[in-house]
Amino acid sequence: MFILITYDINTTTNEGRKRLGAVAKICQNYGQRVQNSVFECKVDEGQFRLLKHRLEKTIDHKKDSLRFYRLGKNYERTVEKMGRNDTYNIEDPLIL
């Protein structure tokens, strides 16, 4: 499944800045950053549950927020882009 993750982490404290970095690192393990606090991820249901669990343990539920958008199988028809596009197609093979 293709999901979009957005987050807003309160960074007014050192702990908040640490949470911000931790949330970004977790998301990077599952997908690619497309904007500062937005990640596109292609995961199966088990990976999605694990990702949400890891993020849930990381954030402060009283100060931070996360949103998960399930874009489905035909996401390419629902996503429009304008301007700079420094991302790669998550469906293409990645050669290192």
PDB file of N, CA and C in Angstrom:
ATOM      1  N   MET A   1       0.837  -1.173   0.000  1.00  0.00           N
ATOM      2  CA  MET A   1       0.000   0.000   0.000  1.00  0.00           C
ATOM      3  C   MET A   1       0.886   1.241   0.000  1.00  0.00           C
ATOM      4  N   PHE A   2       0.354   2.303  -0.534  1.00  0.00           N
ATOM      5  CA  PHE A   2       1.079   3.561  -0.603  1.00  0.00           C
ATOM      6  C   PHE A   2       0.464   4.511   0.408  1.00  0.00           C
ATOM      7  N   ILE A   3       1.272   5.046   1.321  1.00  0.00           N
ATOM      8  CA  ILE A   3       0.758   5.958   2.339  1.00  0.00           C
ATOM      9  C   ILE A   3       1.567   7.248   2.346  1.00  0.00           C
ATOM     10  N   LEU A   4       0.918   8.291   2.787  1.00  0.00           N
ATOM     11  CA  LEU A   4       1.547   9.588   2.978  1.00  0.00           C
ATOM     12  C   LEU A   4       1.513   9.868   4.472  1.00  0.00           C
ATOM     13  N   ILE A   5       2.655  10.210   5.043  1.00  0.00           N
ATOM     14  CA  ILE A   5       2.742  10.529   6.468  1.00  0.00           C
ATOM     15  C   ILE A   5       3.101  11.995   6.595  1.00  0.00           C
ATOM     16  N   THR A   6       2.322  12.713   7.391  1.00  0.00           N
ATOM     17  CA  THR A   6       2.641  14.105   7.707  1.00  0.00           C
ATOM     18  C   THR A   6       2.720  14.231   9.219  1.00  0.00           C
ATOM     19  N   TYR A   7       3.583  15.125   9.680  1.00  0.00           N
ATOM     20  CA  TYR A   7       3.699  15.288  11.128  1.00  0.00           C
ATOM     21  C   TYR A   7       4.014  16.720  11.496  1.00  0.00           C
ATOM     22  N   ASP A   8       3.631  17.054  12.718  1.00  0.00           N
ATOM     23  CA  ASP A   8       3.929  18.354  13.309  1.00  0.00           C
ATOM     24  C   ASP A   8       4.421  18.065  14.726  1.00  0.00           C
ATOM     25  N   ILE A   9       5.697  18.251  14.946  1.00  0.00           N
ATOM     26  CA  ILE A   9       6.318  17.961  16.234  1.00  0.00           C
ATOM     27  C   ILE A   9       6.653  19.281  16.915  1.00  0.00           C
ATOM     28  N   ASN A  10       6.240  19.429  18.149  1.00  0.00           N
ATOM     29  CA  ASN A  10       6.513  20.640  18.920  1.00  0.00           C
ATOM     30  C   ASN A  10       8.005  20.672  19.249  1.00  0.00           C
ATOM     31  N   THR A  11       8.704  21.683  18.753  1.00  0.00           N
ATOM     32  CA  THR A  11      10.166  21.757  18.915  1.00  0.00           C
ATOM     33  C   THR A  11      10.597  22.915  19.809  1.00  0.00           C
ATOM     34  N   THR A  12       9.748  23.324  20.722  1.00  0.00           N
ATOM     35  CA  THR A  12      10.103  24.433  21.608  1.00  0.00           C
ATOM     36  C   THR A  12      11.068  24.012  22.717  1.00  0.00           C
ATOM     37  N   THR A  13      11.282  22.712  22.874  1.00  0.00           N
ATOM     38  CA  THR A  13      12.210  22.201  23.884  1.00  0.00           C
ATOM     39  C   THR A  13      13.245  21.300  23.215  1.00  0.00           C
ATOM     40  N   ASN A  14      14.322  21.008  23.916  1.00  0.00           N
ATOM     41  CA  ASN A  14      15.330  20.074  23.405  1.00  0.00           C
ATOM     42  C   ASN A  14      14.731  18.701  23.169  1.00  0.00           C
ATOM     43  N   GLU A  15      13.836  18.272  24.062  1.00  0.00           N
ATOM     44  CA  GLU A  15      13.192  16.972  23.903  1.00  0.00           C
ATOM     45  C   GLU A  15      12.369  16.936  22.616  1.00  0.00           C
ATOM     46  N   GLY A  16      11.694  18.043  22.329  1.00  0.00           N
ATOM     47  CA  GLY A  16      10.906  18.130  21.104  1.00  0.00           C
ATOM     48  C   GLY A  16      11.769  18.046  19.863  1.00  0.00           C
ATOM     49  N   ARG A  17      12.908  18.721  19.885  1.00  0.00           N
ATOM     50  CA  ARG A  17      13.824  18.650  18.740  1.00  0.00           C
ATOM     51  C   ARG A  17      14.363  17.231  18.560  1.00  0.00           C
ATOM     52  N   LYS A  18      14.602  16.528  19.663  1.00  0.00           N
ATOM     53  CA  LYS A  18      15.040  15.128  19.580  1.00  0.00           C
ATOM     54  C   LYS A  18      13.935  14.254  18.995  1.00  0.00           C
ATOM     55  N   ARG A  19      12.685  14.500  19.419  1.00  0.00           N
ATOM     56  CA  ARG A  19      11.558  13.729  18.876  1.00  0.00           C
ATOM     57  C   ARG A  19      11.416  13.970  17.380  1.00  0.00           C
ATOM     58  N   LEU A  20      11.603  15.214  16.958  1.00  0.00           N
ATOM     59  CA  LEU A  20      11.510  15.545  15.533  1.00  0.00           C
ATOM     60  C   LEU A  20      12.515  14.725  14.728  1.00  0.00           C
ATOM     61  N   GLY A  21      13.751  14.695  15.198  1.00  0.00           N
ATOM     62  CA  GLY A  21      14.767  13.905  14.511  1.00  0.00           C
ATOM     63  C   GLY A  21      14.453  12.421  14.508  1.00  0.00           C
ATOM     64  N   ALA A  22      13.933  11.927  15.633  1.00  0.00           N
ATOM     65  CA  ALA A  22      13.602  10.503  15.738  1.00  0.00           C
ATOM     66  C   ALA A  22      12.454  10.133  14.806  1.00  0.00           C
ATOM     67  N   VAL A  23      11.433  10.988  14.735  1.00  0.00           N
ATOM     68  CA  VAL A  23      10.304  10.725  13.841  1.00  0.00           C
ATOM     69  C   VAL A  23      10.778  10.713  12.387  1.00  0.00           C
ATOM     70  N   ALA A  24      11.595  11.676  12.000  1.00  0.00           N
ATOM     71  CA  ALA A  24      12.111  11.728  10.626  1.00  0.00           C
ATOM     72  C   ALA A  24      12.926  10.478  10.306  1.00  0.00           C
ATOM     73  N   LYS A  25      13.758  10.040  11.243  1.00  0.00           N
ATOM     74  CA  LYS A  25      14.595   8.859  11.009  1.00  0.00           C
ATOM     75  C   LYS A  25      13.739   7.607  10.831  1.00  0.00           C
ATOM     76  N   ILE A  26      12.710   7.461  11.645  1.00  0.00           N
ATOM     77  CA  ILE A  26      11.813   6.311  11.505  1.00  0.00           C
ATOM     78  C   ILE A  26      11.148   6.333  10.134  1.00  0.00           C
ATOM     79  N   CYS A  27      10.630   7.493   9.739  1.00  0.00           N
ATOM     80  CA  CYS A  27       9.954   7.600   8.441  1.00  0.00           C
ATOM     81  C   CYS A  27      10.913   7.324   7.285  1.00  0.00           C
ATOM     82  N   GLN A  28      12.160   7.773   7.394  1.00  0.00           N
ATOM     83  CA  GLN A  28      13.149   7.535   6.338  1.00  0.00           C
ATOM     84  C   GLN A  28      13.417   6.049   6.142  1.00  0.00           C
ATOM     85  N   ASN A  29      13.230   5.251   7.186  1.00  0.00           N
ATOM     86  CA  ASN A  29      13.434   3.811   7.069  1.00  0.00           C
ATOM     87  C   ASN A  29      12.330   3.130   6.267  1.00  0.00           C
ATOM     88  N   TYR A  30      11.231   3.819   6.035  1.00  0.00           N
ATOM     89  CA  TYR A  30      10.090   3.226   5.341  1.00  0.00           C
ATOM     90  C   TYR A  30       9.747   3.908   4.019  1.00  0.00           C
ATOM     91  N   GLY A  31      10.327   5.068   3.755  1.00  0.00           N
ATOM     92  CA  GLY A  31       9.963   5.762   2.529  1.00  0.00           C
ATOM     93  C   GLY A  31      10.892   6.915   2.245  1.00  0.00           C
ATOM     94  N   GLN A  32      10.396   7.870   1.477  1.00  0.00           N
ATOM     95  CA  GLN A  32      11.216   9.011   1.098  1.00  0.00           C
ATOM     96  C   GLN A  32      10.551  10.319   1.508  1.00  0.00           C
ATOM     97  N   ARG A  33      11.404  11.250   1.923  1.00  0.00           N
ATOM     98  CA  ARG A  33      10.923  12.583   2.286  1.00  0.00           C
ATOM     99  C   ARG A  33      10.599  13.337   1.002  1.00  0.00           C
ATOM    100  N   VAL A  34       9.400  13.923   0.951  1.00  0.00           N
ATOM    101  CA  VAL A  34       9.019  14.729  -0.206  1.00  0.00           C
ATOM    102  C   VAL A  34       8.868  16.202   0.155  1.00  0.00           C
ATOM    103  N   GLN A  35       8.698  16.503   1.437  1.00  0.00           N
ATOM    104  CA  GLN A  35       8.744  17.855   1.973  1.00  0.00           C
ATOM    105  C   GLN A  35       9.257  17.735   3.400  1.00  0.00           C
ATOM    106  N   ASN A  36       9.483  18.860   4.062  1.00  0.00           N
ATOM    107  CA  ASN A  36      10.115  18.809   5.381  1.00  0.00           C
ATOM    108  C   ASN A  36       9.462  17.817   6.339  1.00  0.00           C
ATOM    109  N   SER A  37       8.167  17.830   6.455  1.00  0.00           N
ATOM    110  CA  SER A  37       7.478  16.945   7.397  1.00  0.00           C
ATOM    111  C   SER A  37       6.495  16.032   6.694  1.00  0.00           C
ATOM    112  N   VAL A  38       6.860  15.601   5.482  1.00  0.00           N
ATOM    113  CA  VAL A  38       5.986  14.749   4.676  1.00  0.00           C
ATOM    114  C   VAL A  38       6.817  13.635   4.054  1.00  0.00           C
ATOM    115  N   PHE A  39       6.329  12.404   4.228  1.00  0.00           N
ATOM    116  CA  PHE A  39       6.998  11.234   3.662  1.00  0.00           C
ATOM    117  C   PHE A  39       6.014  10.408   2.851  1.00  0.00           C
ATOM    118  N   GLU A  40       6.490   9.873   1.716  1.00  0.00           N
ATOM    119  CA  GLU A  40       5.748   8.898   0.930  1.00  0.00           C
ATOM    120  C   GLU A  40       6.356   7.533   1.223  1.00  0.00           C
ATOM    121  N   CYS A  41       5.508   6.563   1.520  1.00  0.00           N
ATOM    122  CA  CYS A  41       5.994   5.228   1.885  1.00  0.00           C
ATOM    123  C   CYS A  41       5.190   4.154   1.173  1.00  0.00           C
ATOM    124  N   LYS A  42       5.876   3.137   0.709  1.00  0.00           N
ATOM    125  CA  LYS A  42       5.213   1.963   0.137  1.00  0.00           C
ATOM    126  C   LYS A  42       5.479   0.825   1.094  1.00  0.00           C
ATOM    127  N   VAL A  43       4.448   0.351   1.781  1.00  0.00           N
ATOM    128  CA  VAL A  43       4.591  -0.660   2.825  1.00  0.00           C
ATOM    129  C   VAL A  43       3.455  -1.669   2.720  1.00  0.00           C
ATOM    130  N   ASP A  44       3.678  -2.847   3.297  1.00  0.00           N
ATOM    131  CA  ASP A  44       2.572  -3.790   3.416  1.00  0.00           C
ATOM    132  C   ASP A  44       1.895  -3.548   4.763  1.00  0.00           C
ATOM    133  N   GLU A  45       0.832  -4.269   5.045  1.00  0.00           N
ATOM    134  CA  GLU A  45       0.053  -4.016   6.257  1.00  0.00           C
ATOM    135  C   GLU A  45       0.883  -4.218   7.529  1.00  0.00           C
ATOM    136  N   GLY A  46       1.724  -5.254   7.545  1.00  0.00           N
ATOM    137  CA  GLY A  46       2.566  -5.502   8.718  1.00  0.00           C
ATOM    138  C   GLY A  46       3.580  -4.394   8.945  1.00  0.00           C
ATOM    139  N   GLN A  47       4.218  -3.939   7.873  1.00  0.00           N
ATOM    140  CA  GLN A  47       5.168  -2.831   7.987  1.00  0.00           C
ATOM    141  C   GLN A  47       4.461  -1.560   8.459  1.00  0.00           C
ATOM    142  N   PHE A  48       3.249  -1.343   7.967  1.00  0.00           N
ATOM    143  CA  PHE A  48       2.489  -0.161   8.359  1.00  0.00           C
ATOM    144  C   PHE A  48       2.180  -0.196   9.855  1.00  0.00           C
ATOM    145  N   ARG A  49       1.763  -1.352  10.361  1.00  0.00           N
ATOM    146  CA  ARG A  49       1.489  -1.465  11.797  1.00  0.00           C
ATOM    147  C   ARG A  49       2.739  -1.215  12.624  1.00  0.00           C
ATOM    148  N   LEU A  50       3.870  -1.773  12.194  1.00  0.00           N
ATOM    149  CA  LEU A  50       5.128  -1.575  12.910  1.00  0.00           C
ATOM    150  C   LEU A  50       5.554  -0.105  12.862  1.00  0.00           C
ATOM    151  N   LEU A  51       5.439   0.518  11.710  1.00  0.00           N
ATOM    152  CA  LEU A  51       5.768   1.939  11.558  1.00  0.00           C
ATOM    153  C   LEU A  51       4.923   2.795  12.496  1.00  0.00           C
ATOM    154  N   LYS A  52       3.621   2.568  12.509  1.00  0.00           N
ATOM    155  CA  LYS A  52       2.745   3.349  13.396  1.00  0.00           C
ATOM    156  C   LYS A  52       3.082   3.107  14.862  1.00  0.00           C
ATOM    157  N   HIS A  53       3.392   1.870  15.211  1.00  0.00           N
ATOM    158  CA  HIS A  53       3.753   1.546  16.594  1.00  0.00           C
ATOM    159  C   HIS A  53       5.026   2.289  17.009  1.00  0.00           C
ATOM    160  N   ARG A  54       6.035   2.262  16.151  1.00  0.00           N
ATOM    161  CA  ARG A  54       7.298   2.951  16.459  1.00  0.00           C
ATOM    162  C   ARG A  54       7.077   4.451  16.611  1.00  0.00           C
ATOM    163  N   LEU A  55       6.273   5.033  15.727  1.00  0.00           N
ATOM    164  CA  LEU A  55       5.998   6.469  15.813  1.00  0.00           C
ATOM    165  C   LEU A  55       5.172   6.796  17.047  1.00  0.00           C
ATOM    166  N   GLU A  56       4.216   5.953  17.374  1.00  0.00           N
ATOM    167  CA  GLU A  56       3.374   6.188  18.546  1.00  0.00           C
ATOM    168  C   GLU A  56       4.197   6.217  19.827  1.00  0.00           C
ATOM    169  N   LYS A  57       5.223   5.374  19.906  1.00  0.00           N
ATOM    170  CA  LYS A  57       6.087   5.343  21.081  1.00  0.00           C
ATOM    171  C   LYS A  57       7.013   6.555  21.132  1.00  0.00           C
ATOM    172  N   THR A  58       7.234   7.228  20.007  1.00  0.00           N
ATOM    173  CA  THR A  58       8.203   8.311  19.920  1.00  0.00           C
ATOM    174  C   THR A  58       7.614   9.679  20.225  1.00  0.00           C
ATOM    175  N   ILE A  59       6.387   9.908  19.784  1.00  0.00           N
ATOM    176  CA  ILE A  59       5.820  11.259  19.905  1.00  0.00           C
ATOM    177  C   ILE A  59       5.262  11.533  21.299  1.00  0.00           C
ATOM    178  N   ASP A  60       5.082  12.811  21.585  1.00  0.00           N
ATOM    179  CA  ASP A  60       4.376  13.251  22.782  1.00  0.00           C
ATOM    180  C   ASP A  60       2.929  13.495  22.353  1.00  0.00           C
ATOM    181  N   HIS A  61       2.022  12.658  22.804  1.00  0.00           N
ATOM    182  CA  HIS A  61       0.632  12.701  22.342  1.00  0.00           C
ATOM    183  C   HIS A  61      -0.100  13.977  22.730  1.00  0.00           C
ATOM    184  N   LYS A  62       0.427  14.730  23.659  1.00  0.00           N
ATOM    185  CA  LYS A  62      -0.215  15.988  24.058  1.00  0.00           C
ATOM    186  C   LYS A  62       0.313  17.179  23.271  1.00  0.00           C
ATOM    187  N   LYS A  63       1.484  17.041  22.623  1.00  0.00           N
ATOM    188  CA  LYS A  63       2.106  18.175  21.936  1.00  0.00           C
ATOM    189  C   LYS A  63       2.288  17.975  20.437  1.00  0.00           C
ATOM    190  N   ASP A  64       2.365  16.735  19.977  1.00  0.00           N
ATOM    191  CA  ASP A  64       2.702  16.427  18.589  1.00  0.00           C
ATOM    192  C   ASP A  64       1.499  15.830  17.868  1.00  0.00           C
ATOM    193  N   SER A  65       1.559  15.844  16.533  1.00  0.00           N
ATOM    194  CA  SER A  65       0.509  15.181  15.760  1.00  0.00           C
ATOM    195  C   SER A  65       1.095  14.493  14.541  1.00  0.00           C
ATOM    196  N   LEU A  66       0.479  13.387  14.190  1.00  0.00           N
ATOM    197  CA  LEU A  66       0.828  12.599  13.003  1.00  0.00           C
ATOM    198  C   LEU A  66      -0.448  12.357  12.213  1.00  0.00           C
ATOM    199  N   ARG A  67      -0.319  12.304  10.888  1.00  0.00           N
ATOM    200  CA  ARG A  67      -1.443  11.938  10.026  1.00  0.00           C
ATOM    201  C   ARG A  67      -0.952  10.921   9.018  1.00  0.00           C
ATOM    202  N   PHE A  68      -1.797   9.918   8.769  1.00  0.00           N
ATOM    203  CA  PHE A  68      -1.500   8.867   7.802  1.00  0.00           C
ATOM    204  C   PHE A  68      -2.603   8.887   6.749  1.00  0.00           C
ATOM    205  N   TYR A  69      -2.209   9.019   5.490  1.00  0.00           N
ATOM    206  CA  TYR A  69      -3.161   9.018   4.382  1.00  0.00           C
ATOM    207  C   TYR A  69      -2.889   7.781   3.534  1.00  0.00           C
ATOM    208  N   ARG A  70      -3.865   6.901   3.437  1.00  0.00           N
ATOM    209  CA  ARG A  70      -3.745   5.717   2.582  1.00  0.00           C
ATOM    210  C   ARG A  70      -4.176   6.122   1.174  1.00  0.00           C
ATOM    211  N   LEU A  71      -3.249   6.048   0.230  1.00  0.00           N
ATOM    212  CA  LEU A  71      -3.542   6.505  -1.128  1.00  0.00           C
ATOM    213  C   LEU A  71      -3.950   5.368  -2.057  1.00  0.00           C
ATOM    214  N   GLY A  72      -3.868   4.138  -1.599  1.00  0.00           N
ATOM    215  CA  GLY A  72      -4.353   3.015  -2.394  1.00  0.00           C
ATOM    216  C   GLY A  72      -3.395   2.591  -3.484  1.00  0.00           C
ATOM    217  N   LYS A  73      -3.873   1.648  -4.300  1.00  0.00           N
ATOM    218  CA  LYS A  73      -3.042   1.055  -5.348  1.00  0.00           C
ATOM    219  C   LYS A  73      -2.847   1.979  -6.542  1.00  0.00           C
ATOM    220  N   ASN A  74      -3.819   2.815  -6.819  1.00  0.00           N
ATOM    221  CA  ASN A  74      -3.757   3.689  -7.995  1.00  0.00           C
ATOM    222  C   ASN A  74      -3.341   5.104  -7.614  1.00  0.00           C
ATOM    223  N   TYR A  75      -2.390   5.198  -6.703  1.00  0.00           N
ATOM    224  CA  TYR A  75      -1.980   6.503  -6.188  1.00  0.00           C
ATOM    225  C   TYR A  75      -1.407   7.415  -7.254  1.00  0.00           C
ATOM    226  N   GLU A  76      -0.794   6.841  -8.299  1.00  0.00           N
ATOM    227  CA  GLU A  76      -0.153   7.680  -9.318  1.00  0.00           C
ATOM    228  C   GLU A  76      -1.164   8.601  -9.998  1.00  0.00           C
ATOM    229  N   ARG A  77      -2.419   8.167 -10.079  1.00  0.00           N
ATOM    230  CA  ARG A  77      -3.447   8.996 -10.704  1.00  0.00           C
ATOM    231  C   ARG A  77      -3.987  10.052  -9.741  1.00  0.00           C
ATOM    232  N   THR A  78      -3.722   9.900  -8.444  1.00  0.00           N
ATOM    233  CA  THR A  78      -4.268  10.849  -7.470  1.00  0.00           C
ATOM    234  C   THR A  78      -3.255  11.890  -7.018  1.00  0.00           C
ATOM    235  N   VAL A  79      -1.985  11.702  -7.362  1.00  0.00           N
ATOM    236  CA  VAL A  79      -0.938  12.628  -6.929  1.00  0.00           C
ATOM    237  C   VAL A  79      -0.555  13.546  -8.079  1.00  0.00           C
ATOM    238  N   GLU A  80      -0.695  14.844  -7.871  1.00  0.00           N
ATOM    239  CA  GLU A  80      -0.247  15.834  -8.845  1.00  0.00           C
ATOM    240  C   GLU A  80       0.937  16.569  -8.267  1.00  0.00           C
ATOM    241  N   LYS A  81       1.909  16.899  -9.100  1.00  0.00           N
ATOM    242  CA  LYS A  81       3.108  17.590  -8.643  1.00  0.00           C
ATOM    243  C   LYS A  81       3.275  18.883  -9.418  1.00  0.00           C
ATOM    244  N   MET A  82       3.795  19.897  -8.738  1.00  0.00           N
ATOM    245  CA  MET A  82       4.149  21.168  -9.364  1.00  0.00           C
ATOM    246  C   MET A  82       5.497  21.602  -8.832  1.00  0.00           C
ATOM    247  N   GLY A  83       6.265  22.268  -9.635  1.00  0.00           N
ATOM    248  CA  GLY A  83       7.547  22.784  -9.158  1.00  0.00           C
ATOM    249  C   GLY A  83       8.612  21.712  -9.055  1.00  0.00           C
ATOM    250  N   ARG A  84       9.597  21.995  -8.261  1.00  0.00           N
ATOM    251  CA  ARG A  84      10.767  21.132  -8.094  1.00  0.00           C
ATOM    252  C   ARG A  84      10.347  19.745  -7.626  1.00  0.00           C
ATOM    253  N   ASN A  85      10.984  18.741  -8.178  1.00  0.00           N
ATOM    254  CA  ASN A  85      10.662  17.363  -7.815  1.00  0.00           C
ATOM    255  C   ASN A  85      11.965  16.583  -7.674  1.00  0.00           C
ATOM    256  N   ASP A  86      12.496  16.512  -6.459  1.00  0.00           N
ATOM    257  CA  ASP A  86      13.763  15.831  -6.213  1.00  0.00           C
ATOM    258  C   ASP A  86      13.575  14.396  -5.734  1.00  0.00           C
ATOM    259  N   THR A  87      12.405  13.823  -5.958  1.00  0.00           N
ATOM    260  CA  THR A  87      12.134  12.480  -5.460  1.00  0.00           C
ATOM    261  C   THR A  87      12.363  11.456  -6.563  1.00  0.00           C
ATOM    262  N   TYR A  88      12.392  10.209  -6.178  1.00  0.00           N
ATOM    263  CA  TYR A  88      12.485   9.113  -7.125  1.00  0.00           C
ATOM    264  C   TYR A  88      11.167   8.356  -7.107  1.00  0.00           C
ATOM    265  N   ASN A  89      10.920   7.585  -8.155  1.00  0.00           N
ATOM    266  CA  ASN A  89       9.708   6.767  -8.203  1.00  0.00           C
ATOM    267  C   ASN A  89       9.908   5.592  -7.255  1.00  0.00           C
ATOM    268  N   ILE A  90       9.086   5.529  -6.248  1.00  0.00           N
ATOM    269  CA  ILE A  90       9.235   4.512  -5.198  1.00  0.00           C
ATOM    270  C   ILE A  90       9.011   3.097  -5.743  1.00  0.00           C
ATOM    271  N   GLU A  91       8.395   2.982  -6.923  1.00  0.00           N
ATOM    272  CA  GLU A  91       8.146   1.686  -7.548  1.00  0.00           C
ATOM    273  C   GLU A  91       9.355   1.179  -8.344  1.00  0.00           C
ATOM    274  N   ASP A  92      10.257   2.075  -8.751  1.00  0.00           N
ATOM    275  CA  ASP A  92      11.408   1.690  -9.558  1.00  0.00           C
ATOM    276  C   ASP A  92      12.454   0.968  -8.713  1.00  0.00           C
ATOM    277  N   PRO A  93      13.233   0.081  -9.337  1.00  0.00           N
ATOM    278  CA  PRO A  93      14.325  -0.567  -8.598  1.00  0.00           C
ATOM    279  C   PRO A  93      15.348   0.466  -8.159  1.00  0.00           C
ATOM    280  N   LEU A  94      15.918   0.240  -7.000  1.00  0.00           N
ATOM    281  CA  LEU A  94      16.951   1.128  -6.469  1.00  0.00           C
ATOM    282  C   LEU A  94      18.290   0.413  -6.580  1.00  0.00           C
ATOM    283  N   ILE A  95      19.194   0.981  -7.350  1.00  0.00           N
ATOM    284  CA  ILE A  95      20.497   0.377  -7.564  1.00  0.00           C
ATOM    285  C   ILE A  95      21.521   1.157  -6.774  1.00  0.00           C
ATOM    286  N   LEU A  96      22.236   0.478  -5.906  1.00  0.00           N
ATOM    287  CA  LEU A  96      23.251   1.119  -5.075  1.00  0.00           C
ATOM    288  C   LEU A  96      24.640   0.806  -5.573  1.00  0.00           C
TER     289      LEU A  96
END
